[in-house]
Each structure stands twice: as structure tokens, then as C-alpha cells.
Amino acid sequence: TTPYAQAQYVTNPSGHYGLKNILPKM
């Protein structure tokens, strides 16, 4: 849905940490 190249935030969609997996791409 959100292209990786354009994203400011990224996540592991299969991670066990839930929302904690969301991090600034930088």
C-alpha cells in the first residue's frame, strides 16, 4: 500500500512486537 521508496516509516508486517516494529526509515 505504501511504497517502500516513498515511505517515512517502515515496519515488519510479520513481527511479534506489533506497533513497536514501526520505526522511522532513517
PDB file of all heavy atoms in Angstrom:
ATOM      1  N   THR A   1       0.822  -1.208   0.000  1.00  0.00           N
ATOM      2  CA  THR A   1       0.000   0.000   0.000  1.00  0.00           C
ATOM      3  C   THR A   1       0.859   1.263   0.000  1.00  0.00           C
ATOM      4  O   THR A   1       0.607   2.207  -0.750  1.00  0.00           O
ATOM      5  CB  THR A   1      -0.944   0.013   1.217  1.00  0.00           C
ATOM      6  OG1 THR A   1      -1.799  -1.125   1.160  1.00  0.00           O
ATOM      7  CG2 THR A   1      -1.787   1.280   1.234  1.00  0.00           C
ATOM      8  N   THR A   2       1.869   1.296   0.853  1.00  0.00           N
ATOM      9  CA  THR A   2       2.793   2.433   0.917  1.00  0.00           C
ATOM     10  C   THR A   2       4.126   1.997   0.328  1.00  0.00           C
ATOM     11  O   THR A   2       4.842   1.197   0.951  1.00  0.00           O
ATOM     12  CB  THR A   2       3.007   2.905   2.371  1.00  0.00           C
ATOM     13  OG1 THR A   2       1.747   3.265   2.952  1.00  0.00           O
ATOM     14  CG2 THR A   2       3.945   4.105   2.431  1.00  0.00           C
ATOM     15  N   PRO A   3       4.479   2.455  -0.877  1.00  0.00           N
ATOM     16  CA  PRO A   3       5.745   2.033  -1.497  1.00  0.00           C
ATOM     17  C   PRO A   3       6.941   2.303  -0.584  1.00  0.00           C
ATOM     18  O   PRO A   3       7.031   3.378   0.019  1.00  0.00           O
ATOM     19  CB  PRO A   3       5.805   2.880  -2.770  1.00  0.00           C
ATOM     20  CG  PRO A   3       4.388   3.232  -3.068  1.00  0.00           C
ATOM     21  CD  PRO A   3       3.714   3.377  -1.736  1.00  0.00           C
ATOM     22  N   TYR A   4       7.821   1.333  -0.501  1.00  0.00           N
ATOM     23  CA  TYR A   4       8.971   1.447   0.400  1.00  0.00           C
ATOM     24  C   TYR A   4       9.796   2.692   0.094  1.00  0.00           C
ATOM     25  O   TYR A   4      10.214   3.407   1.013  1.00  0.00           O
ATOM     26  CB  TYR A   4       9.844   0.194   0.276  1.00  0.00           C
ATOM     27  CG  TYR A   4      11.043   0.214   1.207  1.00  0.00           C
ATOM     28  CD1 TYR A   4      10.906  -0.161   2.536  1.00  0.00           C
ATOM     29  CD2 TYR A   4      12.286   0.621   0.758  1.00  0.00           C
ATOM     30  CE1 TYR A   4      11.985  -0.136   3.404  1.00  0.00           C
ATOM     31  CE2 TYR A   4      13.381   0.648   1.611  1.00  0.00           C
ATOM     32  CZ  TYR A   4      13.228   0.269   2.934  1.00  0.00           C
ATOM     33  OH  TYR A   4      14.307   0.319   3.784  1.00  0.00           O
ATOM     34  N   ALA A   5      10.023   2.973  -1.175  1.00  0.00           N
ATOM     35  CA  ALA A   5      10.886   4.095  -1.563  1.00  0.00           C
ATOM     36  C   ALA A   5      10.317   5.442  -1.101  1.00  0.00           C
ATOM     37  O   ALA A   5      11.074   6.379  -0.850  1.00  0.00           O
ATOM     38  CB  ALA A   5      11.084   4.101  -3.075  1.00  0.00           C
ATOM     39  N   GLN A   6       8.994   5.527  -0.987  1.00  0.00           N
ATOM     40  CA  GLN A   6       8.357   6.789  -0.621  1.00  0.00           C
ATOM     41  C   GLN A   6       8.053   6.904   0.870  1.00  0.00           C
ATOM     42  O   GLN A   6       7.654   7.969   1.345  1.00  0.00           O
ATOM     43  CB  GLN A   6       7.059   6.949  -1.421  1.00  0.00           C
ATOM     44  CG  GLN A   6       7.259   6.960  -2.925  1.00  0.00           C
ATOM     45  CD  GLN A   6       5.948   6.893  -3.681  1.00  0.00           C
ATOM     46  OE1 GLN A   6       4.880   7.140  -3.117  1.00  0.00           O
ATOM     47  NE2 GLN A   6       6.015   6.550  -4.964  1.00  0.00           N
ATOM     48  N   ALA A   7       8.212   5.830   1.601  1.00  0.00           N
ATOM     49  CA  ALA A   7       7.786   5.798   2.999  1.00  0.00           C
ATOM     50  C   ALA A   7       8.746   6.548   3.928  1.00  0.00           C
ATOM     51  O   ALA A   7       9.959   6.535   3.719  1.00  0.00           O
ATOM     52  CB  ALA A   7       7.658   4.356   3.466  1.00  0.00           C
ATOM     53  N   GLN A   8       8.176   7.183   4.936  1.00  0.00           N
ATOM     54  CA  GLN A   8       8.979   7.768   6.011  1.00  0.00           C
ATOM     55  C   GLN A   8       9.081   6.810   7.194  1.00  0.00           C
ATOM     56  O   GLN A   8      10.037   6.887   7.964  1.00  0.00           O
ATOM     57  CB  GLN A   8       8.361   9.091   6.459  1.00  0.00           C
ATOM     58  CG  GLN A   8       8.402  10.187   5.404  1.00  0.00           C
ATOM     59  CD  GLN A   8       7.855  11.494   5.924  1.00  0.00           C
ATOM     60  OE1 GLN A   8       7.135  11.539   6.937  1.00  0.00           O
ATOM     61  NE2 GLN A   8       8.175  12.590   5.237  1.00  0.00           N
ATOM     62  N   TYR A   9       8.084   5.918   7.295  1.00  0.00           N
ATOM     63  CA  TYR A   9       8.087   4.908   8.362  1.00  0.00           C
ATOM     64  C   TYR A   9       8.022   3.518   7.737  1.00  0.00           C
ATOM     65  O   TYR A   9       7.445   3.324   6.662  1.00  0.00           O
ATOM     66  CB  TYR A   9       6.900   5.112   9.303  1.00  0.00           C
ATOM     67  CG  TYR A   9       7.045   6.308  10.206  1.00  0.00           C
ATOM     68  CD1 TYR A   9       6.651   7.568   9.769  1.00  0.00           C
ATOM     69  CD2 TYR A   9       7.594   6.188  11.477  1.00  0.00           C
ATOM     70  CE1 TYR A   9       6.799   8.683  10.587  1.00  0.00           C
ATOM     71  CE2 TYR A   9       7.742   7.290  12.304  1.00  0.00           C
ATOM     72  CZ  TYR A   9       7.346   8.536  11.852  1.00  0.00           C
ATOM     73  OH  TYR A   9       7.496   9.631  12.658  1.00  0.00           O
ATOM     74  N   VAL A  10       8.616   2.564   8.434  1.00  0.00           N
ATOM     75  CA  VAL A  10       8.642   1.181   7.945  1.00  0.00           C
ATOM     76  C   VAL A  10       8.309   0.243   9.099  1.00  0.00           C
ATOM     77  O   VAL A  10       8.388   0.617  10.279  1.00  0.00           O
ATOM     78  CB  VAL A  10      10.027   0.821   7.354  1.00  0.00           C
ATOM     79  CG1 VAL A  10      10.273   1.588   6.063  1.00  0.00           C
ATOM     80  CG2 VAL A  10      11.151   1.084   8.356  1.00  0.00           C
ATOM     81  N   THR A  11       7.952  -0.997   8.735  1.00  0.00           N
ATOM     82  CA  THR A  11       7.624  -1.987   9.766  1.00  0.00           C
ATOM     83  C   THR A  11       7.883  -3.392   9.247  1.00  0.00           C
ATOM     84  O   THR A  11       7.993  -3.616   8.035  1.00  0.00           O
ATOM     85  CB  THR A  11       6.154  -1.850  10.213  1.00  0.00           C
ATOM     86  OG1 THR A  11       5.925  -2.680  11.359  1.00  0.00           O
ATOM     87  CG2 THR A  11       5.192  -2.262   9.104  1.00  0.00           C
ATOM     88  N   ASN A  12       7.964  -4.324  10.158  1.00  0.00           N
ATOM     89  CA  ASN A  12       7.990  -5.751   9.835  1.00  0.00           C
ATOM     90  C   ASN A  12       6.562  -6.264   9.958  1.00  0.00           C
ATOM     91  O   ASN A  12       6.031  -6.360  11.071  1.00  0.00           O
ATOM     92  CB  ASN A  12       8.920  -6.485  10.802  1.00  0.00           C
ATOM     93  CG  ASN A  12       8.862  -7.997  10.659  1.00  0.00           C
ATOM     94  OD1 ASN A  12       8.161  -8.530   9.810  1.00  0.00           O
ATOM     95  ND2 ASN A  12       9.597  -8.695  11.495  1.00  0.00           N
ATOM     96  N   PRO A  13       5.902  -6.598   8.845  1.00  0.00           N
ATOM     97  CA  PRO A  13       4.486  -6.988   8.913  1.00  0.00           C
ATOM     98  C   PRO A  13       4.236  -8.315   9.605  1.00  0.00           C
ATOM     99  O   PRO A  13       3.095  -8.657   9.914  1.00  0.00           O
ATOM    100  CB  PRO A  13       4.078  -7.063   7.442  1.00  0.00           C
ATOM    101  CG  PRO A  13       5.342  -7.402   6.723  1.00  0.00           C
ATOM    102  CD  PRO A  13       6.417  -6.662   7.469  1.00  0.00           C
ATOM    103  N   SER A  14       5.311  -9.079   9.848  1.00  0.00           N
ATOM    104  CA  SER A  14       5.177 -10.389  10.489  1.00  0.00           C
ATOM    105  C   SER A  14       5.833 -10.429  11.862  1.00  0.00           C
ATOM    106  O   SER A  14       5.969 -11.500  12.457  1.00  0.00           O
ATOM    107  CB  SER A  14       5.808 -11.471   9.597  1.00  0.00           C
ATOM    108  OG  SER A  14       5.238 -11.473   8.314  1.00  0.00           O
ATOM    109  N   GLY A  15       6.238  -9.288  12.365  1.00  0.00           N
ATOM    110  CA  GLY A  15       6.971  -9.260  13.629  1.00  0.00           C
ATOM    111  C   GLY A  15       6.081  -9.468  14.838  1.00  0.00           C
ATOM    112  O   GLY A  15       4.886  -9.174  14.816  1.00  0.00           O
ATOM    113  N   HIS A  16       6.690  -9.945  15.920  1.00  0.00           N
ATOM    114  CA  HIS A  16       5.957 -10.210  17.161  1.00  0.00           C
ATOM    115  C   HIS A  16       5.786  -8.961  18.017  1.00  0.00           C
ATOM    116  O   HIS A  16       5.055  -8.992  19.006  1.00  0.00           O
ATOM    117  CB  HIS A  16       6.672 -11.278  17.982  1.00  0.00           C
ATOM    118  CG  HIS A  16       6.728 -12.624  17.314  1.00  0.00           C
ATOM    119  ND1 HIS A  16       5.596 -13.299  16.924  1.00  0.00           N
ATOM    120  CD2 HIS A  16       7.777 -13.400  16.943  1.00  0.00           C
ATOM    121  CE1 HIS A  16       5.936 -14.453  16.355  1.00  0.00           C
ATOM    122  NE2 HIS A  16       7.249 -14.524  16.341  1.00  0.00           N
ATOM    123  N   TYR A  17       6.461  -7.867  17.655  1.00  0.00           N
ATOM    124  CA  TYR A  17       6.433  -6.674  18.502  1.00  0.00           C
ATOM    125  C   TYR A  17       5.287  -5.722  18.187  1.00  0.00           C
ATOM    126  O   TYR A  17       5.152  -4.686  18.827  1.00  0.00           O
ATOM    127  CB  TYR A  17       7.764  -5.920  18.386  1.00  0.00           C
ATOM    128  CG  TYR A  17       8.935  -6.633  19.014  1.00  0.00           C
ATOM    129  CD1 TYR A  17       9.837  -7.340  18.237  1.00  0.00           C
ATOM    130  CD2 TYR A  17       9.139  -6.585  20.390  1.00  0.00           C
ATOM    131  CE1 TYR A  17      10.920  -7.989  18.817  1.00  0.00           C
ATOM    132  CE2 TYR A  17      10.209  -7.234  20.981  1.00  0.00           C
ATOM    133  CZ  TYR A  17      11.101  -7.939  20.182  1.00  0.00           C
ATOM    134  OH  TYR A  17      12.174  -8.584  20.752  1.00  0.00           O
ATOM    135  N   GLY A  18       4.477  -6.045  17.189  1.00  0.00           N
ATOM    136  CA  GLY A  18       3.324  -5.213  16.884  1.00  0.00           C
ATOM    137  C   GLY A  18       3.704  -3.796  16.485  1.00  0.00           C
ATOM    138  O   GLY A  18       4.555  -3.577  15.625  1.00  0.00           O
ATOM    139  N   LEU A  19       3.077  -2.808  17.143  1.00  0.00           N
ATOM    140  CA  LEU A  19       3.324  -1.408  16.818  1.00  0.00           C
ATOM    141  C   LEU A  19       4.776  -1.000  17.078  1.00  0.00           C
ATOM    142  O   LEU A  19       5.268  -0.045  16.484  1.00  0.00           O
ATOM    143  CB  LEU A  19       2.384  -0.511  17.626  1.00  0.00           C
ATOM    144  CG  LEU A  19       0.902  -0.585  17.247  1.00  0.00           C
ATOM    145  CD1 LEU A  19       0.045   0.158  18.267  1.00  0.00           C
ATOM    146  CD2 LEU A  19       0.667  -0.014  15.853  1.00  0.00           C
ATOM    147  N   LYS A  20       5.443  -1.734  17.944  1.00  0.00           N
ATOM    148  CA  LYS A  20       6.845  -1.415  18.244  1.00  0.00           C
ATOM    149  C   LYS A  20       7.743  -1.660  17.029  1.00  0.00           C
ATOM    150  O   LYS A  20       8.862  -1.154  16.962  1.00  0.00           O
ATOM    151  CB  LYS A  20       7.328  -2.251  19.436  1.00  0.00           C
ATOM    152  CG  LYS A  20       8.588  -1.711  20.091  1.00  0.00           C
ATOM    153  CD  LYS A  20       8.871  -2.429  21.391  1.00  0.00           C
ATOM    154  CE  LYS A  20      10.057  -1.792  22.115  1.00  0.00           C
ATOM    155  NZ  LYS A  20      10.310  -2.444  23.419  1.00  0.00           N
ATOM    156  N   ASN A  21       7.272  -2.440  16.071  1.00  0.00           N
ATOM    157  CA  ASN A  21       8.050  -2.674  14.856  1.00  0.00           C
ATOM    158  C   ASN A  21       8.071  -1.461  13.934  1.00  0.00           C
ATOM    159  O   ASN A  21       8.844  -1.436  12.971  1.00  0.00           O
ATOM    160  CB  ASN A  21       7.480  -3.868  14.077  1.00  0.00           C
ATOM    161  CG  ASN A  21       7.937  -5.198  14.639  1.00  0.00           C
ATOM    162  OD1 ASN A  21       9.107  -5.397  14.903  1.00  0.00           O
ATOM    163  ND2 ASN A  21       6.995  -6.107  14.835  1.00  0.00           N
ATOM    164  N   ILE A  22       7.221  -0.478  14.179  1.00  0.00           N
ATOM    165  CA  ILE A  22       7.165   0.705  13.326  1.00  0.00           C
ATOM    166  C   ILE A  22       8.281   1.665  13.732  1.00  0.00           C
ATOM    167  O   ILE A  22       8.351   2.107  14.876  1.00  0.00           O
ATOM    168  CB  ILE A  22       5.797   1.384  13.424  1.00  0.00           C
ATOM    169  CG1 ILE A  22       4.696   0.414  12.984  1.00  0.00           C
ATOM    170  CG2 ILE A  22       5.772   2.665  12.572  1.00  0.00           C
ATOM    171  CD1 ILE A  22       3.292   0.938  13.213  1.00  0.00           C
ATOM    172  N   LEU A  23       9.128   1.985  12.768  1.00  0.00           N
ATOM    173  CA  LEU A  23      10.293   2.836  13.014  1.00  0.00           C
ATOM    174  C   LEU A  23      10.459   3.837  11.876  1.00  0.00           C
ATOM    175  O   LEU A  23      10.034   3.570  10.739  1.00  0.00           O
ATOM    176  CB  LEU A  23      11.563   1.983  13.082  1.00  0.00           C
ATOM    177  CG  LEU A  23      11.716   1.016  14.242  1.00  0.00           C
ATOM    178  CD1 LEU A  23      12.834   0.025  13.951  1.00  0.00           C
ATOM    179  CD2 LEU A  23      12.020   1.769  15.521  1.00  0.00           C
ATOM    180  N   PRO A  24      11.111   4.977  12.149  1.00  0.00           N
ATOM    181  CA  PRO A  24      11.477   5.865  11.039  1.00  0.00           C
ATOM    182  C   PRO A  24      12.421   5.126  10.081  1.00  0.00           C
ATOM    183  O   PRO A  24      13.346   4.443  10.536  1.00  0.00           O
ATOM    184  CB  PRO A  24      12.194   7.028  11.742  1.00  0.00           C
ATOM    185  CG  PRO A  24      11.734   6.979  13.161  1.00  0.00           C
ATOM    186  CD  PRO A  24      11.511   5.530  13.465  1.00  0.00           C
ATOM    187  N   LYS A  25      12.194   5.260   8.793  1.00  0.00           N
ATOM    188  CA  LYS A  25      13.042   4.561   7.828  1.00  0.00           C
ATOM    189  C   LYS A  25      14.492   5.002   7.933  1.00  0.00           C
ATOM    190  O   LYS A  25      15.409   4.233   7.630  1.00  0.00           O
ATOM    191  CB  LYS A  25      12.521   4.766   6.409  1.00  0.00           C
ATOM    192  CG  LYS A  25      13.209   3.863   5.381  1.00  0.00           C
ATOM    193  CD  LYS A  25      12.525   3.857   4.039  1.00  0.00           C
ATOM    194  CE  LYS A  25      12.688   5.156   3.305  1.00  0.00           C
ATOM    195  NZ  LYS A  25      12.140   5.102   1.930  1.00  0.00           N
ATOM    196  N   MET A  26      14.718   6.232   8.402  1.00  0.00           N
ATOM    197  CA  MET A  26      16.086   6.739   8.517  1.00  0.00           C
ATOM    198  C   MET A  26      16.913   5.931   9.520  1.00  0.00           C
ATOM    199  O   MET A  26      18.136   5.961   9.485  1.00  0.00           O
ATOM    200  CB  MET A  26      16.086   8.222   8.911  1.00  0.00           C
ATOM    201  CG  MET A  26      15.550   8.495  10.292  1.00  0.00           C
ATOM    202  SD  MET A  26      15.625  10.263  10.691  1.00  0.00           S
ATOM    203  CE  MET A  26      15.044  10.251  12.401  1.00  0.00           C
TER     204      MET A  26
END
